[in-house]
Amino acid sequence: MIKSNNNGNQKGKNIMVQQIVLPIKDSNVLKMVQDTLLDSFRAGRRNYTIFQVGKATLLRVSDVMTLKKYDIYNPDGSVKNTSFIHEKKTGKADTLYLKPGADVKIMDRFFRHRELPDSENFSKPEFHLKTA
């Protein structure tokens, strides 16, 4: 995937800047990314958690940010086996397959504020995870 940004310089001309975004295939690089997310930013724990949920669910960040508690949890608090979502980027309907028990800790951290109404999602700043 190539992302492009048009940035204006002093003379008003546009300069094309390209960033190449590649999947992480090396476990050492993955560890470095996780450490950087966790330790280097003010919102490190929040960003790390979003990354981990994306890794566990294979969703884009934009789709992770729109997840709601009722997408993941049954009314009794157990993790669903599947959930139906609409991808934000493509707009297509998709089935999210969840493994109850495998990623419960990360989902619980993601939805730490269990007392919030189901309509509240993680993208609102007032519901971001606080650093420990």
C-alpha atoms as a PDB file:
ATOM      1  CA  MET A   1       0.000   0.000   0.000  1.00  0.00           C
ATOM      2  CA  ILE A   2       1.351   3.447  -0.859  1.00  0.00           C
ATOM      3  CA  LYS A   3       0.122   6.562   0.890  1.00  0.00           C
ATOM      4  CA  SER A   4       0.696   9.955  -0.718  1.00  0.00           C
ATOM      5  CA  ASN A   5       0.599  13.409   0.810  1.00  0.00           C
ATOM      6  CA  ASN A   6       0.677  16.663  -1.132  1.00  0.00           C
ATOM      7  CA  ASN A   7       2.617  19.230   0.856  1.00  0.00           C
ATOM      8  CA  GLY A   8       2.905  22.819  -0.350  1.00  0.00           C
ATOM      9  CA  ASN A   9       6.315  24.469  -0.239  1.00  0.00           C
ATOM     10  CA  GLN A  10       7.104  28.220   0.045  1.00  0.00           C
ATOM     11  CA  LYS A  11       6.518  28.872  -3.673  1.00  0.00           C
ATOM     12  CA  GLY A  12       3.068  27.273  -3.617  1.00  0.00           C
ATOM     13  CA  LYS A  13       4.137  24.183  -5.560  1.00  0.00           C
ATOM     14  CA  ASN A  14       3.038  20.749  -4.455  1.00  0.00           C
ATOM     15  CA  ILE A  15       5.629  18.157  -3.549  1.00  0.00           C
ATOM     16  CA  MET A  16       4.552  14.519  -3.621  1.00  0.00           C
ATOM     17  CA  VAL A  17       5.707  12.558  -0.564  1.00  0.00           C
ATOM     18  CA  GLN A  18       5.176   8.810  -0.636  1.00  0.00           C
ATOM     19  CA  GLN A  19       5.161   6.469   2.314  1.00  0.00           C
ATOM     20  CA  ILE A  20       5.279   2.765   1.683  1.00  0.00           C
ATOM     21  CA  VAL A  21       3.315   0.797   4.277  1.00  0.00           C
ATOM     22  CA  LEU A  22       4.215  -2.881   4.483  1.00  0.00           C
ATOM     23  CA  PRO A  23       2.983  -5.712   6.705  1.00  0.00           C
ATOM     24  CA  ILE A  24       5.138  -6.678   9.672  1.00  0.00           C
ATOM     25  CA  LYS A  25       6.577 -10.121   8.947  1.00  0.00           C
ATOM     26  CA  ASP A  26       9.596 -10.229  11.269  1.00  0.00           C
ATOM     27  CA  SER A  27       8.988 -11.069  14.941  1.00  0.00           C
ATOM     28  CA  ASN A  28      11.845  -8.749  15.976  1.00  0.00           C
ATOM     29  CA  VAL A  29      10.240  -5.830  14.126  1.00  0.00           C
ATOM     30  CA  LEU A  30       6.882  -6.717  15.701  1.00  0.00           C
ATOM     31  CA  LYS A  31       8.463  -6.631  19.165  1.00  0.00           C
ATOM     32  CA  MET A  32      10.081  -3.243  18.414  1.00  0.00           C
ATOM     33  CA  VAL A  33       6.753  -1.798  17.227  1.00  0.00           C
ATOM     34  CA  GLN A  34       4.972  -3.070  20.339  1.00  0.00           C
ATOM     35  CA  ASP A  35       7.672  -1.694  22.650  1.00  0.00           C
ATOM     36  CA  THR A  36       7.607   1.664  20.862  1.00  0.00           C
ATOM     37  CA  LEU A  37       3.825   1.896  21.080  1.00  0.00           C
ATOM     38  CA  LEU A  38       3.831   0.984  24.749  1.00  0.00           C
ATOM     39  CA  ASP A  39       6.750   3.090  25.953  1.00  0.00           C
ATOM     40  CA  SER A  40       7.344   6.060  23.683  1.00  0.00           C
ATOM     41  CA  PHE A  41       4.090   7.983  23.465  1.00  0.00           C
ATOM     42  CA  ARG A  42       1.839   9.810  25.873  1.00  0.00           C
ATOM     43  CA  ALA A  43      -1.058   7.590  24.796  1.00  0.00           C
ATOM     44  CA  GLY A  44       1.177   4.519  24.603  1.00  0.00           C
ATOM     45  CA  ARG A  45      -1.028   2.063  26.470  1.00  0.00           C
ATOM     46  CA  ARG A  46      -4.050   3.140  24.403  1.00  0.00           C
ATOM     47  CA  ASN A  47      -2.167   2.811  21.096  1.00  0.00           C
ATOM     48  CA  TYR A  48      -0.640  -0.505  22.164  1.00  0.00           C
ATOM     49  CA  THR A  49      -4.081  -1.857  23.061  1.00  0.00           C
ATOM     50  CA  ILE A  50      -5.571  -0.736  19.741  1.00  0.00           C
ATOM     51  CA  PHE A  51      -2.648  -2.427  17.950  1.00  0.00           C
ATOM     52  CA  GLN A  52      -3.134  -5.655  19.934  1.00  0.00           C
ATOM     53  CA  VAL A  53      -6.889  -5.733  19.238  1.00  0.00           C
ATOM     54  CA  GLY A  54      -6.182  -5.139  15.543  1.00  0.00           C
ATOM     55  CA  LYS A  55      -3.628  -7.940  15.570  1.00  0.00           C
ATOM     56  CA  ALA A  56      -6.014 -10.319  17.353  1.00  0.00           C
ATOM     57  CA  THR A  57      -8.997  -9.529  15.110  1.00  0.00           C
ATOM     58  CA  LEU A  58      -7.167  -8.735  11.840  1.00  0.00           C
ATOM     59  CA  LEU A  59      -9.105  -5.468  11.592  1.00  0.00           C
ATOM     60  CA  ARG A  60      -7.883  -2.091  10.369  1.00  0.00           C
ATOM     61  CA  VAL A  61      -7.427   0.570  13.049  1.00  0.00           C
ATOM     62  CA  SER A  62     -10.460   2.458  11.696  1.00  0.00           C
ATOM     63  CA  ASP A  63     -12.570  -0.675  12.222  1.00  0.00           C
ATOM     64  CA  VAL A  64     -11.121  -1.351  15.691  1.00  0.00           C
ATOM     65  CA  MET A  65     -11.995   2.203  16.715  1.00  0.00           C
ATOM     66  CA  THR A  66     -15.662   1.696  15.832  1.00  0.00           C
ATOM     67  CA  LEU A  67     -16.073  -1.563  17.775  1.00  0.00           C
ATOM     68  CA  LYS A  68     -18.689  -1.452  20.491  1.00  0.00           C
ATOM     69  CA  LYS A  69     -19.044  -3.734  23.496  1.00  0.00           C
ATOM     70  CA  TYR A  70     -22.080  -5.449  22.025  1.00  0.00           C
ATOM     71  CA  ASP A  71     -19.976  -6.349  18.930  1.00  0.00           C
ATOM     72  CA  ILE A  72     -17.690  -8.459  21.140  1.00  0.00           C
ATOM     73  CA  TYR A  73     -19.660  -9.485  24.232  1.00  0.00           C
ATOM     74  CA  ASN A  74     -22.923 -11.355  24.778  1.00  0.00           C
ATOM     75  CA  PRO A  75     -25.402  -9.807  27.249  1.00  0.00           C
ATOM     76  CA  ASP A  76     -24.114 -12.191  29.954  1.00  0.00           C
ATOM     77  CA  GLY A  77     -20.548 -10.842  29.537  1.00  0.00           C
ATOM     78  CA  SER A  78     -19.071 -13.801  27.665  1.00  0.00           C
ATOM     79  CA  VAL A  79     -17.154 -13.248  24.413  1.00  0.00           C
ATOM     80  CA  LYS A  80     -19.136 -13.954  21.241  1.00  0.00           C
ATOM     81  CA  ASN A  81     -17.948 -16.560  18.739  1.00  0.00           C
ATOM     82  CA  THR A  82     -18.714 -14.293  15.779  1.00  0.00           C
ATOM     83  CA  SER A  83     -19.787 -10.741  15.166  1.00  0.00           C
ATOM     84  CA  PHE A  84     -21.021  -8.999  12.034  1.00  0.00           C
ATOM     85  CA  ILE A  85     -19.405  -5.689  11.160  1.00  0.00           C
ATOM     86  CA  HIS A  86     -19.270  -3.250   8.246  1.00  0.00           C
ATOM     87  CA  GLU A  87     -15.737  -2.286   7.306  1.00  0.00           C
ATOM     88  CA  LYS A  88     -15.293   1.464   7.434  1.00  0.00           C
ATOM     89  CA  LYS A  89     -12.867   1.725   4.505  1.00  0.00           C
ATOM     90  CA  THR A  90     -14.621  -0.598   2.052  1.00  0.00           C
ATOM     91  CA  GLY A  91     -18.168  -0.455   3.417  1.00  0.00           C
ATOM     92  CA  LYS A  92     -18.545  -4.204   2.939  1.00  0.00           C
ATOM     93  CA  ALA A  93     -20.186  -6.466   5.491  1.00  0.00           C
ATOM     94  CA  ASP A  94     -17.826  -8.918   7.134  1.00  0.00           C
ATOM     95  CA  THR A  95     -17.896 -11.610   9.789  1.00  0.00           C
ATOM     96  CA  LEU A  96     -15.500 -11.151  12.683  1.00  0.00           C
ATOM     97  CA  TYR A  97     -14.505 -14.523  14.139  1.00  0.00           C
ATOM     98  CA  LEU A  98     -13.581 -14.308  17.807  1.00  0.00           C
ATOM     99  CA  LYS A  99     -11.901 -16.898  19.986  1.00  0.00           C
ATOM    100  CA  PRO A 100     -13.518 -16.833  23.424  1.00  0.00           C
ATOM    101  CA  GLY A 101     -10.830 -17.255  26.038  1.00  0.00           C
ATOM    102  CA  ALA A 102      -7.867 -16.573  23.772  1.00  0.00           C
ATOM    103  CA  ASP A 103      -8.001 -12.789  23.651  1.00  0.00           C
ATOM    104  CA  VAL A 104     -10.305 -12.043  26.573  1.00  0.00           C
ATOM    105  CA  LYS A 105      -7.683 -10.035  28.492  1.00  0.00           C
ATOM    106  CA  ILE A 106      -6.987  -7.692  25.606  1.00  0.00           C
ATOM    107  CA  MET A 107     -10.709  -7.263  24.898  1.00  0.00           C
ATOM    108  CA  ASP A 108     -11.358  -6.564  28.580  1.00  0.00           C
ATOM    109  CA  ARG A 109      -8.629  -3.932  28.532  1.00  0.00           C
ATOM    110  CA  PHE A 110     -10.082  -2.481  25.335  1.00  0.00           C
ATOM    111  CA  PHE A 111     -13.527  -2.243  26.923  1.00  0.00           C
ATOM    112  CA  ARG A 112     -12.295  -1.386  30.418  1.00  0.00           C
ATOM    113  CA  HIS A 113     -15.210   0.964  31.017  1.00  0.00           C
ATOM    114  CA  ARG A 114     -17.842  -1.818  31.099  1.00  0.00           C
ATOM    115  CA  GLU A 115     -20.351   0.475  32.811  1.00  0.00           C
ATOM    116  CA  LEU A 116     -20.588   2.674  29.689  1.00  0.00           C
ATOM    117  CA  PRO A 117     -23.637   2.369  27.446  1.00  0.00           C
ATOM    118  CA  ASP A 118     -23.135  -0.015  24.525  1.00  0.00           C
ATOM    119  CA  SER A 119     -23.338   2.897  22.106  1.00  0.00           C
ATOM    120  CA  GLU A 120     -20.098   4.358  23.455  1.00  0.00           C
ATOM    121  CA  ASN A 121     -17.009   3.348  21.530  1.00  0.00           C
ATOM    122  CA  PHE A 122     -13.264   3.570  21.988  1.00  0.00           C
ATOM    123  CA  SER A 123     -12.785   6.399  19.483  1.00  0.00           C
ATOM    124  CA  LYS A 124     -14.071   9.072  21.881  1.00  0.00           C
ATOM    125  CA  PRO A 125     -11.176  10.685  23.810  1.00  0.00           C
ATOM    126  CA  GLU A 126     -13.009  10.674  27.132  1.00  0.00           C
ATOM    127  CA  PHE A 127     -13.112   6.859  27.014  1.00  0.00           C
ATOM    128  CA  HIS A 128      -9.456   6.263  26.097  1.00  0.00           C
ATOM    129  CA  LEU A 129      -7.461   3.999  28.364  1.00  0.00           C
ATOM    130  CA  LYS A 130      -5.498   5.766  31.055  1.00  0.00           C
ATOM    131  CA  THR A 131      -1.829   4.891  31.430  1.00  0.00           C
ATOM    132  CA  ALA A 132      -1.029   2.803  34.478  1.00  0.00           C
END
